[in-house]
Amino acid sequence: MLAEYKAWYDQYRRDMGDQWKETDWLFIAECGAQIYPGTVYTWVHKVCDAAGLPHRTVHSLRHTNITMQIAAGVPLVTVAGRAGHARTSTTTDIYSHFLKSSDKTAAEKLEQMFE
């Protein structure tokens, strides 16, 4: 999806010609200018409304995404890289509460296998 967005972005930038505001922003207003920070907040709320979900912040969605990756067994190195963490220790420090509960669940399942 990002590759498609980048292709659209590059074409849009060319189409705007000299009206383009020279920035390197990923998400942009009409002429390439920076969007207002509240715009993303509004987008997320519209998506939540459309999906029938309670309102969430982008930050809470990030935490949910990372937690779900860990729960699904995605290797921690991969999770950390996708989260933009330079070290896995950053990920483990932030998500240690979830990793501990996940470890307890794993121990219980292992114990059940030997019963």
PDB file of N, CA and C in Angstrom:
ATOM      1  N   MET A   1       0.813  -1.185   0.000  1.00  0.00           N
ATOM      2  CA  MET A   1       0.000   0.000   0.000  1.00  0.00           C
ATOM      3  C   MET A   1       0.865   1.261   0.000  1.00  0.00           C
ATOM      4  N   LEU A   2       1.981   1.187   0.733  1.00  0.00           N
ATOM      5  CA  LEU A   2       2.856   2.357   0.762  1.00  0.00           C
ATOM      6  C   LEU A   2       3.479   2.625  -0.606  1.00  0.00           C
ATOM      7  N   ALA A   3       3.796   1.565  -1.330  1.00  0.00           N
ATOM      8  CA  ALA A   3       4.355   1.738  -2.677  1.00  0.00           C
ATOM      9  C   ALA A   3       3.324   2.401  -3.594  1.00  0.00           C
ATOM     10  N   GLU A   4       2.067   1.988  -3.467  1.00  0.00           N
ATOM     11  CA  GLU A   4       1.002   2.610  -4.260  1.00  0.00           C
ATOM     12  C   GLU A   4       0.837   4.076  -3.883  1.00  0.00           C
ATOM     13  N   TYR A   5       0.872   4.359  -2.584  1.00  0.00           N
ATOM     14  CA  TYR A   5       0.741   5.738  -2.126  1.00  0.00           C
ATOM     15  C   TYR A   5       1.904   6.582  -2.646  1.00  0.00           C
ATOM     16  N   LYS A   6       3.102   6.032  -2.599  1.00  0.00           N
ATOM     17  CA  LYS A   6       4.286   6.760  -3.077  1.00  0.00           C
ATOM     18  C   LYS A   6       4.157   7.059  -4.566  1.00  0.00           C
ATOM     19  N   ALA A   7       3.672   6.117  -5.355  1.00  0.00           N
ATOM     20  CA  ALA A   7       3.479   6.346  -6.791  1.00  0.00           C
ATOM     21  C   ALA A   7       2.449   7.462  -7.011  1.00  0.00           C
ATOM     22  N   TRP A   8       1.333   7.406  -6.253  1.00  0.00           N
ATOM     23  CA  TRP A   8       0.325   8.449  -6.366  1.00  0.00           C
ATOM     24  C   TRP A   8       0.912   9.800  -5.971  1.00  0.00           C
ATOM     25  N   TYR A   9       1.627   9.818  -4.858  1.00  0.00           N
ATOM     26  CA  TYR A   9       2.227  11.037  -4.326  1.00  0.00           C
ATOM     27  C   TYR A   9       3.165  11.677  -5.352  1.00  0.00           C
ATOM     28  N   ASP A  10       4.044  10.868  -5.932  1.00  0.00           N
ATOM     29  CA  ASP A  10       5.002  11.381  -6.922  1.00  0.00           C
ATOM     30  C   ASP A  10       4.275  11.959  -8.140  1.00  0.00           C
ATOM     31  N   GLN A  11       3.239  11.257  -8.602  1.00  0.00           N
ATOM     32  CA  GLN A  11       2.478  11.750  -9.751  1.00  0.00           C
ATOM     33  C   GLN A  11       1.734  13.037  -9.386  1.00  0.00           C
ATOM     34  N   TYR A  12       1.127  13.063  -8.226  1.00  0.00           N
ATOM     35  CA  TYR A  12       0.393  14.242  -7.767  1.00  0.00           C
ATOM     36  C   TYR A  12       1.332  15.446  -7.668  1.00  0.00           C
ATOM     37  N   ARG A  13       2.523  15.192  -7.153  1.00  0.00           N
ATOM     38  CA  ARG A  13       3.519  16.254  -7.018  1.00  0.00           C
ATOM     39  C   ARG A  13       3.877  16.828  -8.394  1.00  0.00           C
ATOM     40  N   ARG A  14       4.063  15.944  -9.371  1.00  0.00           N
ATOM     41  CA  ARG A  14       4.358  16.408 -10.739  1.00  0.00           C
ATOM     42  C   ARG A  14       3.169  17.191 -11.319  1.00  0.00           C
ATOM     43  N   ASP A  15       1.964  16.683 -11.100  1.00  0.00           N
ATOM     44  CA  ASP A  15       0.766  17.332 -11.629  1.00  0.00           C
ATOM     45  C   ASP A  15       0.545  18.725 -11.031  1.00  0.00           C
ATOM     46  N   MET A  16       0.945  18.937  -9.793  1.00  0.00           N
ATOM     47  CA  MET A  16       0.758  20.229  -9.138  1.00  0.00           C
ATOM     48  C   MET A  16       1.722  21.288  -9.674  1.00  0.00           C
ATOM     49  N   GLY A  17       2.802  20.854 -10.303  1.00  0.00           N
ATOM     50  CA  GLY A  17       3.743  21.793 -10.912  1.00  0.00           C
ATOM     51  C   GLY A  17       4.242  22.839  -9.943  1.00  0.00           C
ATOM     52  N   ASP A  18       4.199  24.105 -10.351  1.00  0.00           N
ATOM     53  CA  ASP A  18       4.751  25.170  -9.513  1.00  0.00           C
ATOM     54  C   ASP A  18       3.825  25.558  -8.354  1.00  0.00           C
ATOM     55  N   GLN A  19       2.658  24.938  -8.274  1.00  0.00           N
ATOM     56  CA  GLN A  19       1.779  25.172  -7.115  1.00  0.00           C
ATOM     57  C   GLN A  19       2.217  24.351  -5.898  1.00  0.00           C
ATOM     58  N   TRP A  20       3.092  23.363  -6.137  1.00  0.00           N
ATOM     59  CA  TRP A  20       3.535  22.463  -5.076  1.00  0.00           C
ATOM     60  C   TRP A  20       4.384  23.211  -4.060  1.00  0.00           C
ATOM     61  N   LYS A  21       4.091  23.019  -2.795  1.00  0.00           N
ATOM     62  CA  LYS A  21       4.904  23.560  -1.710  1.00  0.00           C
ATOM     63  C   LYS A  21       6.025  22.558  -1.458  1.00  0.00           C
ATOM     64  N   GLU A  22       7.262  22.983  -1.586  1.00  0.00           N
ATOM     65  CA  GLU A  22       8.400  22.069  -1.457  1.00  0.00           C
ATOM     66  C   GLU A  22       8.575  21.579  -0.026  1.00  0.00           C
ATOM     67  N   THR A  23       8.007  20.426   0.243  1.00  0.00           N
ATOM     68  CA  THR A  23       8.160  19.765   1.533  1.00  0.00           C
ATOM     69  C   THR A  23       8.362  18.287   1.282  1.00  0.00           C
ATOM     70  N   ASP A  24       8.744  17.578   2.302  1.00  0.00           N
ATOM     71  CA  ASP A  24       8.880  16.123   2.211  1.00  0.00           C
ATOM     72  C   ASP A  24       7.880  15.420   3.128  1.00  0.00           C
ATOM     73  N   TRP A  25       6.777  16.080   3.418  1.00  0.00           N
ATOM     74  CA  TRP A  25       5.780  15.488   4.289  1.00  0.00           C
ATOM     75  C   TRP A  25       5.134  14.279   3.618  1.00  0.00           C
ATOM     76  N   LEU A  26       4.875  13.254   4.407  1.00  0.00           N
ATOM     77  CA  LEU A  26       4.247  12.046   3.876  1.00  0.00           C
ATOM     78  C   LEU A  26       2.752  12.255   3.653  1.00  0.00           C
ATOM     79  N   PHE A  27       2.064  12.811   4.644  1.00  0.00           N
ATOM     80  CA  PHE A  27       0.648  13.105   4.522  1.00  0.00           C
ATOM     81  C   PHE A  27       0.521  14.609   4.358  1.00  0.00           C
ATOM     82  N   ILE A  28      -0.187  15.019   3.325  1.00  0.00           N
ATOM     83  CA  ILE A  28      -0.134  16.412   2.903  1.00  0.00           C
ATOM     84  C   ILE A  28      -1.507  17.037   2.728  1.00  0.00           C
ATOM     85  N   ALA A  29      -1.515  18.357   2.797  1.00  0.00           N
ATOM     86  CA  ALA A  29      -2.684  19.127   2.393  1.00  0.00           C
ATOM     87  C   ALA A  29      -2.648  19.227   0.870  1.00  0.00           C
ATOM     88  N   GLU A  30      -3.585  19.938   0.314  1.00  0.00           N
ATOM     89  CA  GLU A  30      -3.786  19.940  -1.130  1.00  0.00           C
ATOM     90  C   GLU A  30      -2.536  20.210  -1.975  1.00  0.00           C
ATOM     91  N   CYS A  31      -1.721  21.159  -1.592  1.00  0.00           N
ATOM     92  CA  CYS A  31      -0.572  21.528  -2.432  1.00  0.00           C
ATOM     93  C   CYS A  31       0.758  21.047  -1.870  1.00  0.00           C
ATOM     94  N   GLY A  32       0.726  20.028  -1.039  1.00  0.00           N
ATOM     95  CA  GLY A  32       1.964  19.500  -0.485  1.00  0.00           C
ATOM     96  C   GLY A  32       2.340  20.085   0.851  1.00  0.00           C
ATOM     97  N   ALA A  33       1.559  21.042   1.320  1.00  0.00           N
ATOM     98  CA  ALA A  33       1.846  21.669   2.611  1.00  0.00           C
ATOM     99  C   ALA A  33       1.540  20.703   3.752  1.00  0.00           C
ATOM    100  N   GLN A  34       2.097  21.008   4.891  1.00  0.00           N
ATOM    101  CA  GLN A  34       1.870  20.199   6.081  1.00  0.00           C
ATOM    102  C   GLN A  34       0.392  20.262   6.473  1.00  0.00           C
ATOM    103  N   ILE A  35      -0.167  19.111   6.870  1.00  0.00           N
ATOM    104  CA  ILE A  35      -1.544  19.108   7.347  1.00  0.00           C
ATOM    105  C   ILE A  35      -1.554  19.511   8.821  1.00  0.00           C
ATOM    106  N   TYR A  36      -2.691  19.964   9.271  1.00  0.00           N
ATOM    107  CA  TYR A  36      -2.834  20.288  10.680  1.00  0.00           C
ATOM    108  C   TYR A  36      -2.818  18.994  11.491  1.00  0.00           C
ATOM    109  N   PRO A  37      -2.171  18.997  12.658  1.00  0.00           N
ATOM    110  CA  PRO A  37      -2.128  17.769  13.469  1.00  0.00           C
ATOM    111  C   PRO A  37      -3.521  17.207  13.780  1.00  0.00           C
ATOM    112  N   GLY A  38      -4.503  18.063  13.932  1.00  0.00           N
ATOM    113  CA  GLY A  38      -5.856  17.598  14.229  1.00  0.00           C
ATOM    114  C   GLY A  38      -6.508  16.841  13.093  1.00  0.00           C
ATOM    115  N   THR A  39      -5.967  16.967  11.879  1.00  0.00           N
ATOM    116  CA  THR A  39      -6.547  16.286  10.720  1.00  0.00           C
ATOM    117  C   THR A  39      -6.479  14.770  10.888  1.00  0.00           C
ATOM    118  N   VAL A  40      -5.349  14.253  11.310  1.00  0.00           N
ATOM    119  CA  VAL A  40      -5.193  12.805  11.500  1.00  0.00           C
ATOM    120  C   VAL A  40      -6.141  12.333  12.597  1.00  0.00           C
ATOM    121  N   TYR A  41      -6.253  13.107  13.652  1.00  0.00           N
ATOM    122  CA  TYR A  41      -7.178  12.799  14.735  1.00  0.00           C
ATOM    123  C   TYR A  41      -8.601  12.664  14.185  1.00  0.00           C
ATOM    124  N   THR A  42      -8.998  13.590  13.344  1.00  0.00           N
ATOM    125  CA  THR A  42     -10.331  13.560  12.731  1.00  0.00           C
ATOM    126  C   THR A  42     -10.499  12.330  11.848  1.00  0.00           C
ATOM    127  N   TRP A  43      -9.477  12.008  11.045  1.00  0.00           N
ATOM    128  CA  TRP A  43      -9.537  10.829  10.178  1.00  0.00           C
ATOM    129  C   TRP A  43      -9.758   9.563  10.995  1.00  0.00           C
ATOM    130  N   VAL A  44      -8.999   9.410  12.068  1.00  0.00           N
ATOM    131  CA  VAL A  44      -9.099   8.199  12.900  1.00  0.00           C
ATOM    132  C   VAL A  44     -10.502   8.094  13.500  1.00  0.00           C
ATOM    133  N   HIS A  45     -11.042   9.206  13.955  1.00  0.00           N
ATOM    134  CA  HIS A  45     -12.384   9.178  14.534  1.00  0.00           C
ATOM    135  C   HIS A  45     -13.438   8.813  13.486  1.00  0.00           C
ATOM    136  N   LYS A  46     -13.282   9.296  12.261  1.00  0.00           N
ATOM    137  CA  LYS A  46     -14.219   8.940  11.197  1.00  0.00           C
ATOM    138  C   LYS A  46     -14.148   7.448  10.885  1.00  0.00           C
ATOM    139  N   VAL A  47     -12.947   6.896  10.850  1.00  0.00           N
ATOM    140  CA  VAL A  47     -12.775   5.462  10.590  1.00  0.00           C
ATOM    141  C   VAL A  47     -13.396   4.658  11.724  1.00  0.00           C
ATOM    142  N   CYS A  48     -13.152   5.069  12.969  1.00  0.00           N
ATOM    143  CA  CYS A  48     -13.742   4.367  14.110  1.00  0.00           C
ATOM    144  C   CYS A  48     -15.266   4.420  14.050  1.00  0.00           C
ATOM    145  N   ASP A  49     -15.815   5.597  13.729  1.00  0.00           N
ATOM    146  CA  ASP A  49     -17.275   5.728  13.607  1.00  0.00           C
ATOM    147  C   ASP A  49     -17.815   4.800  12.528  1.00  0.00           C
ATOM    148  N   ALA A  50     -17.155   4.786  11.380  1.00  0.00           N
ATOM    149  CA  ALA A  50     -17.611   3.951  10.259  1.00  0.00           C
ATOM    150  C   ALA A  50     -17.569   2.464  10.601  1.00  0.00           C
ATOM    151  N   ALA A  51     -16.607   2.092  11.445  1.00  0.00           N
ATOM    152  CA  ALA A  51     -16.465   0.689  11.825  1.00  0.00           C
ATOM    153  C   ALA A  51     -17.275   0.335  13.067  1.00  0.00           C
ATOM    154  N   GLY A  52     -17.939   1.338  13.630  1.00  0.00           N
ATOM    155  CA  GLY A  52     -18.735   1.081  14.829  1.00  0.00           C
ATOM    156  C   GLY A  52     -17.882   0.853  16.064  1.00  0.00           C
ATOM    157  N   LEU A  53     -16.699   1.424  16.078  1.00  0.00           N
ATOM    158  CA  LEU A  53     -15.772   1.250  17.193  1.00  0.00           C
ATOM    159  C   LEU A  53     -15.726   2.511  18.051  1.00  0.00           C
ATOM    160  N   PRO A  54     -15.356   2.364  19.319  1.00  0.00           N
ATOM    161  CA  PRO A  54     -15.165   3.567  20.138  1.00  0.00           C
ATOM    162  C   PRO A  54     -13.972   4.369  19.613  1.00  0.00           C
ATOM    163  N   HIS A  55     -13.972   5.651  19.884  1.00  0.00           N
ATOM    164  CA  HIS A  55     -12.872   6.499  19.416  1.00  0.00           C
ATOM    165  C   HIS A  55     -11.559   6.093  20.074  1.00  0.00           C
ATOM    166  N   ARG A  56     -10.520   6.075  19.273  1.00  0.00           N
ATOM    167  CA  ARG A  56      -9.167   5.744  19.718  1.00  0.00           C
ATOM    168  C   ARG A  56      -8.211   6.796  19.179  1.00  0.00           C
ATOM    169  N   THR A  57      -7.043   6.858  19.788  1.00  0.00           N
ATOM    170  CA  THR A  57      -5.999   7.741  19.281  1.00  0.00           C
ATOM    171  C   THR A  57      -5.084   6.941  18.375  1.00  0.00           C
ATOM    172  N   VAL A  58      -4.320   7.637  17.553  1.00  0.00           N
ATOM    173  CA  VAL A  58      -3.344   6.957  16.699  1.00  0.00           C
ATOM    174  C   VAL A  58      -2.348   6.202  17.578  1.00  0.00           C
ATOM    175  N   HIS A  59      -1.979   6.808  18.690  1.00  0.00           N
ATOM    176  CA  HIS A  59      -1.008   6.179  19.583  1.00  0.00           C
ATOM    177  C   HIS A  59      -1.566   4.872  20.166  1.00  0.00           C
ATOM    178  N   SER A  60      -2.834   4.865  20.542  1.00  0.00           N
ATOM    179  CA  SER A  60      -3.413   3.634  21.092  1.00  0.00           C
ATOM    180  C   SER A  60      -3.503   2.555  20.015  1.00  0.00           C
ATOM    181  N   LEU A  61      -3.767   2.958  18.768  1.00  0.00           N
ATOM    182  CA  LEU A  61      -3.801   1.987  17.674  1.00  0.00           C
ATOM    183  C   LEU A  61      -2.407   1.399  17.439  1.00  0.00           C
ATOM    184  N   ARG A  62      -1.382   2.221  17.596  1.00  0.00           N
ATOM    185  CA  ARG A  62       0.009   1.738  17.468  1.00  0.00           C
ATOM    186  C   ARG A  62       0.285   0.670  18.530  1.00  0.00           C
ATOM    187  N   HIS A  63      -0.100   0.956  19.785  1.00  0.00           N
ATOM    188  CA  HIS A  63       0.117  -0.023  20.857  1.00  0.00           C
ATOM    189  C   HIS A  63      -0.659  -1.308  20.602  1.00  0.00           C
ATOM    190  N   THR A  64      -1.884  -1.178  20.131  1.00  0.00           N
ATOM    191  CA  THR A  64      -2.690  -2.358  19.827  1.00  0.00           C
ATOM    192  C   THR A  64      -2.019  -3.187  18.741  1.00  0.00           C
ATOM    193  N   ASN A  65      -1.543  -2.521  17.700  1.00  0.00           N
ATOM    194  CA  ASN A  65      -0.876  -3.208  16.598  1.00  0.00           C
ATOM    195  C   ASN A  65       0.340  -3.985  17.098  1.00  0.00           C
ATOM    196  N   ILE A  66       1.168  -3.359  17.881  1.00  0.00           N
ATOM    197  CA  ILE A  66       2.387  -4.007  18.378  1.00  0.00           C
ATOM    198  C   ILE A  66       2.034  -5.164  19.299  1.00  0.00           C
ATOM    199  N   THR A  67       1.063  -4.951  20.180  1.00  0.00           N
ATOM    200  CA  THR A  67       0.650  -6.011  21.099  1.00  0.00           C
ATOM    201  C   THR A  67       0.096  -7.209  20.338  1.00  0.00           C
ATOM    202  N   MET A  68      -0.688  -6.955  19.307  1.00  0.00           N
ATOM    203  CA  MET A  68      -1.253  -8.054  18.519  1.00  0.00           C
ATOM    204  C   MET A  68      -0.162  -8.826  17.778  1.00  0.00           C
ATOM    205  N   GLN A  69       0.867  -8.139  17.308  1.00  0.00           N
ATOM    206  CA  GLN A  69       1.974  -8.832  16.656  1.00  0.00           C
ATOM    207  C   GLN A  69       2.674  -9.764  17.640  1.00  0.00           C
ATOM    208  N   ILE A  70       2.914  -9.264  18.846  1.00  0.00           N
ATOM    209  CA  ILE A  70       3.572 -10.078  19.873  1.00  0.00           C
ATOM    210  C   ILE A  70       2.698 -11.281  20.206  1.00  0.00           C
ATOM    211  N   ALA A  71       1.384 -11.040  20.372  1.00  0.00           N
ATOM    212  CA  ALA A  71       0.454 -12.129  20.705  1.00  0.00           C
ATOM    213  C   ALA A  71       0.395 -13.173  19.607  1.00  0.00           C
ATOM    214  N   ALA A  72       0.582 -12.739  18.355  1.00  0.00           N
ATOM    215  CA  ALA A  72       0.524 -13.670  17.232  1.00  0.00           C
ATOM    216  C   ALA A  72       1.821 -14.448  17.053  1.00  0.00           C
ATOM    217  N   GLY A  73       2.825 -14.137  17.878  1.00  0.00           N
ATOM    218  CA  GLY A  73       4.077 -14.874  17.801  1.00  0.00           C
ATOM    219  C   GLY A  73       5.055 -14.324  16.779  1.00  0.00           C
ATOM    220  N   VAL A  74       4.842 -13.097  16.315  1.00  0.00           N
ATOM    221  CA  VAL A  74       5.801 -12.480  15.394  1.00  0.00           C
ATOM    222  C   VAL A  74       7.100 -12.301  16.158  1.00  0.00           C
ATOM    223  N   PRO A  75       8.238 -12.676  15.575  1.00  0.00           N
ATOM    224  CA  PRO A  75       9.512 -12.531  16.288  1.00  0.00           C
ATOM    225  C   PRO A  75       9.727 -11.101  16.787  1.00  0.00           C
ATOM    226  N   LEU A  76      10.236 -10.981  18.007  1.00  0.00           N
ATOM    227  CA  LEU A  76      10.411  -9.676  18.631  1.00  0.00           C
ATOM    228  C   LEU A  76      11.294  -8.750  17.803  1.00  0.00           C
ATOM    229  N   VAL A  77      12.287  -9.301  17.123  1.00  0.00           N
ATOM    230  CA  VAL A  77      13.150  -8.484  16.269  1.00  0.00           C
ATOM    231  C   VAL A  77      12.320  -7.838  15.154  1.00  0.00           C
ATOM    232  N   THR A  78      11.395  -8.592  14.600  1.00  0.00           N
ATOM    233  CA  THR A  78      10.531  -8.083  13.536  1.00  0.00           C
ATOM    234  C   THR A  78       9.585  -7.023  14.085  1.00  0.00           C
ATOM    235  N   VAL A  79       8.974  -7.303  15.228  1.00  0.00           N
ATOM    236  CA  VAL A  79       8.050  -6.352  15.851  1.00  0.00           C
ATOM    237  C   VAL A  79       8.773  -5.036  16.137  1.00  0.00           C
ATOM    238  N   ALA A  80       9.955  -5.137  16.728  1.00  0.00           N
ATOM    239  CA  ALA A  80      10.731  -3.939  17.070  1.00  0.00           C
ATOM    240  C   ALA A  80      11.076  -3.142  15.815  1.00  0.00           C
ATOM    241  N   GLY A  81      11.492  -3.823  14.771  1.00  0.00           N
ATOM    242  CA  GLY A  81      11.833  -3.148  13.524  1.00  0.00           C
ATOM    243  C   GLY A  81      10.645  -2.445  12.909  1.00  0.00           C
ATOM    244  N   ARG A  82       9.501  -3.123  12.896  1.00  0.00           N
ATOM    245  CA  ARG A  82       8.292  -2.519  12.324  1.00  0.00           C
ATOM    246  C   ARG A  82       7.813  -1.341  13.160  1.00  0.00           C
ATOM    247  N   ALA A  83       8.089  -1.388  14.467  1.00  0.00           N
ATOM    248  CA  ALA A  83       7.684  -0.294  15.359  1.00  0.00           C
ATOM    249  C   ALA A  83       8.641   0.889  15.269  1.00  0.00           C
ATOM    250  N   GLY A  84       9.782   0.675  14.610  1.00  0.00           N
ATOM    251  CA  GLY A  84      10.768   1.746  14.511  1.00  0.00           C
ATOM    252  C   GLY A  84      11.696   1.810  15.706  1.00  0.00           C
ATOM    253  N   HIS A  85      11.701   0.758  16.505  1.00  0.00           N
ATOM    254  CA  HIS A  85      12.608   0.709  17.649  1.00  0.00           C
ATOM    255  C   HIS A  85      13.979   0.212  17.184  1.00  0.00           C
ATOM    256  N   ALA A  86      15.009   0.942  17.531  1.00  0.00           N
ATOM    257  CA  ALA A  86      16.363   0.571  17.111  1.00  0.00           C
ATOM    258  C   ALA A  86      16.838  -0.698  17.816  1.00  0.00           C
ATOM    259  N   ARG A  87      16.320  -0.938  19.017  1.00  0.00           N
ATOM    260  CA  ARG A  87      16.724  -2.121  19.783  1.00  0.00           C
ATOM    261  C   ARG A  87      15.490  -2.869  20.265  1.00  0.00           C
ATOM    262  N   THR A  88      15.594  -4.172  20.335  1.00  0.00           N
ATOM    263  CA  THR A  88      14.467  -4.961  20.859  1.00  0.00           C
ATOM    264  C   THR A  88      14.233  -4.645  22.330  1.00  0.00           C
ATOM    265  N   SER A  89      15.260  -4.187  23.034  1.00  0.00           N
ATOM    266  CA  SER A  89      15.094  -3.860  24.454  1.00  0.00           C
ATOM    267  C   SER A  89      14.085  -2.733  24.643  1.00  0.00           C
ATOM    268  N   THR A  90      13.999  -1.825  23.693  1.00  0.00           N
ATOM    269  CA  THR A  90      12.987  -0.759  23.770  1.00  0.00           C
ATOM    270  C   THR A  90      11.592  -1.379  23.747  1.00  0.00           C
ATOM    271  N   THR A  91      11.393  -2.319  22.847  1.00  0.00           N
ATOM    272  CA  THR A  91      10.099  -2.994  22.725  1.00  0.00           C
ATOM    273  C   THR A  91       9.787  -3.782  23.987  1.00  0.00           C
ATOM    274  N   THR A  92      10.760  -4.519  24.479  1.00  0.00           N
ATOM    275  CA  THR A  92      10.511  -5.323  25.685  1.00  0.00           C
ATOM    276  C   THR A  92      10.276  -4.440  26.898  1.00  0.00           C
ATOM    277  N   ASP A  93      10.954  -3.300  26.992  1.00  0.00           N
ATOM    278  CA  ASP A  93      10.723  -2.386  28.112  1.00  0.00           C
ATOM    279  C   ASP A  93       9.290  -1.854  28.098  1.00  0.00           C
ATOM    280  N   ILE A  94       8.816  -1.470  26.925  1.00  0.00           N
ATOM    281  CA  ILE A  94       7.482  -0.872  26.803  1.00  0.00           C
ATOM    282  C   ILE A  94       6.382  -1.917  26.966  1.00  0.00           C
ATOM    283  N   TYR A  95       6.603  -3.113  26.434  1.00  0.00           N
ATOM    284  CA  TYR A  95       5.563  -4.141  26.404  1.00  0.00           C
ATOM    285  C   TYR A  95       5.833  -5.282  27.381  1.00  0.00           C
ATOM    286  N   SER A  96       6.682  -5.036  28.380  1.00  0.00           N
ATOM    287  CA  SER A  96       7.040  -6.101  29.320  1.00  0.00           C
ATOM    288  C   SER A  96       5.824  -6.646  30.057  1.00  0.00           C
ATOM    289  N   HIS A  97       4.844  -5.787  30.380  1.00  0.00           N
ATOM    290  CA  HIS A  97       3.644  -6.260  31.068  1.00  0.00           C
ATOM    291  C   HIS A  97       2.904  -7.294  30.225  1.00  0.00           C
ATOM    292  N   PHE A  98       2.829  -7.056  28.930  1.00  0.00           N
ATOM    293  CA  PHE A  98       2.145  -8.001  28.055  1.00  0.00           C
ATOM    294  C   PHE A  98       2.987  -9.258  27.865  1.00  0.00           C
ATOM    295  N   LEU A  99       4.298  -9.089  27.719  1.00  0.00           N
ATOM    296  CA  LEU A  99       5.179 -10.245  27.540  1.00  0.00           C
ATOM    297  C   LEU A  99       5.129 -11.156  28.758  1.00  0.00           C
ATOM    298  N   LYS A 100       5.019 -10.576  29.963  1.00  0.00           N
ATOM    299  CA  LYS A 100       4.935 -11.398  31.181  1.00  0.00           C
ATOM    300  C   LYS A 100       3.642 -12.205  31.205  1.00  0.00           C
ATOM    301  N   SER A 101       2.523 -11.573  30.844  1.00  0.00           N
ATOM    302  CA  SER A 101       1.260 -12.313  30.841  1.00  0.00           C
ATOM    303  C   SER A 101       1.267 -13.372  29.749  1.00  0.00           C
ATOM    304  N   SER A 102       1.904 -13.063  28.628  1.00  0.00           N
ATOM    305  CA  SER A 102       2.018 -14.025  27.543  1.00  0.00           C
ATOM    306  C   SER A 102       2.885 -15.201  27.973  1.00  0.00           C
ATOM    307  N   ASP A 103       3.940 -14.919  28.721  1.00  0.00           N
ATOM    308  CA  ASP A 103       4.823 -15.972  29.209  1.00  0.00           C
ATOM    309  C   ASP A 103       4.084 -16.883  30.187  1.00  0.00           C
ATOM    310  N   LYS A 104       3.248 -16.308  31.032  1.00  0.00           N
ATOM    311  CA  LYS A 104       2.467 -17.104  31.978  1.00  0.00           C
ATOM    312  C   LYS A 104       1.529 -18.040  31.226  1.00  0.00           C
ATOM    313  N   THR A 105       0.873 -17.523  30.194  1.00  0.00           N
ATOM    314  CA  THR A 105      -0.028 -18.331  29.377  1.00  0.00           C
ATOM    315  C   THR A 105       0.730 -19.474  28.710  1.00  0.00           C
ATOM    316  N   ALA A 106       1.921 -19.174  28.189  1.00  0.00           N
ATOM    317  CA  ALA A 106       2.737 -20.211  27.543  1.00  0.00           C
ATOM    318  C   ALA A 106       3.111 -21.296  28.549  1.00  0.00           C
ATOM    319  N   ALA A 107       3.478 -20.922  29.759  1.00  0.00           N
ATOM    320  CA  ALA A 107       3.843 -21.893  30.789  1.00  0.00           C
ATOM    321  C   ALA A 107       2.658 -22.779  31.153  1.00  0.00           C
ATOM    322  N   GLU A 108       1.471 -22.173  31.252  1.00  0.00           N
ATOM    323  CA  GLU A 108       0.267 -22.942  31.576  1.00  0.00           C
ATOM    324  C   GLU A 108      -0.058 -23.942  30.469  1.00  0.00           C
ATOM    325  N   LYS A 109       0.084 -23.523  29.226  1.00  0.00           N
ATOM    326  CA  LYS A 109      -0.193 -24.427  28.106  1.00  0.00           C
ATOM    327  C   LYS A 109       0.810 -25.575  28.075  1.00  0.00           C
ATOM    328  N   LEU A 110       2.052 -25.278  28.365  1.00  0.00           N
ATOM    329  CA  LEU A 110       3.069 -26.330  28.403  1.00  0.00           C
ATOM    330  C   LEU A 110       2.772 -27.320  29.513  1.00  0.00           C
ATOM    331  N   GLU A 111       2.367 -26.804  30.662  1.00  0.00           N
ATOM    332  CA  GLU A 111       2.029 -27.668  31.783  1.00  0.00           C
ATOM    333  C   GLU A 111       0.859 -28.588  31.413  1.00  0.00           C
ATOM    334  N   GLN A 112      -0.139 -28.065  30.727  1.00  0.00           N
ATOM    335  CA  GLN A 112      -1.284 -28.859  30.304  1.00  0.00           C
ATOM    336  C   GLN A 112      -0.870 -29.983  29.361  1.00  0.00           C
ATOM    337  N   MET A 113       0.132 -29.735  28.559  1.00  0.00           N
ATOM    338  CA  MET A 113       0.597 -30.765  27.605  1.00  0.00           C
ATOM    339  C   MET A 113       1.182 -31.967  28.337  1.00  0.00           C
ATOM    340  N   PHE A 114       1.734 -31.759  29.527  1.00  0.00           N
ATOM    341  CA  PHE A 114       2.380 -32.847  30.260  1.00  0.00           C
ATOM    342  C   PHE A 114       1.481 -33.490  31.296  1.00  0.00           C
ATOM    343  N   GLU A 115       0.231 -33.043  31.378  1.00  0.00           N
ATOM    344  CA  GLU A 115      -0.706 -33.643  32.345  1.00  0.00           C
ATOM    345  C   GLU A 115      -1.245 -34.951  31.839  1.00  0.00           C
TER     346      GLU A 115
END
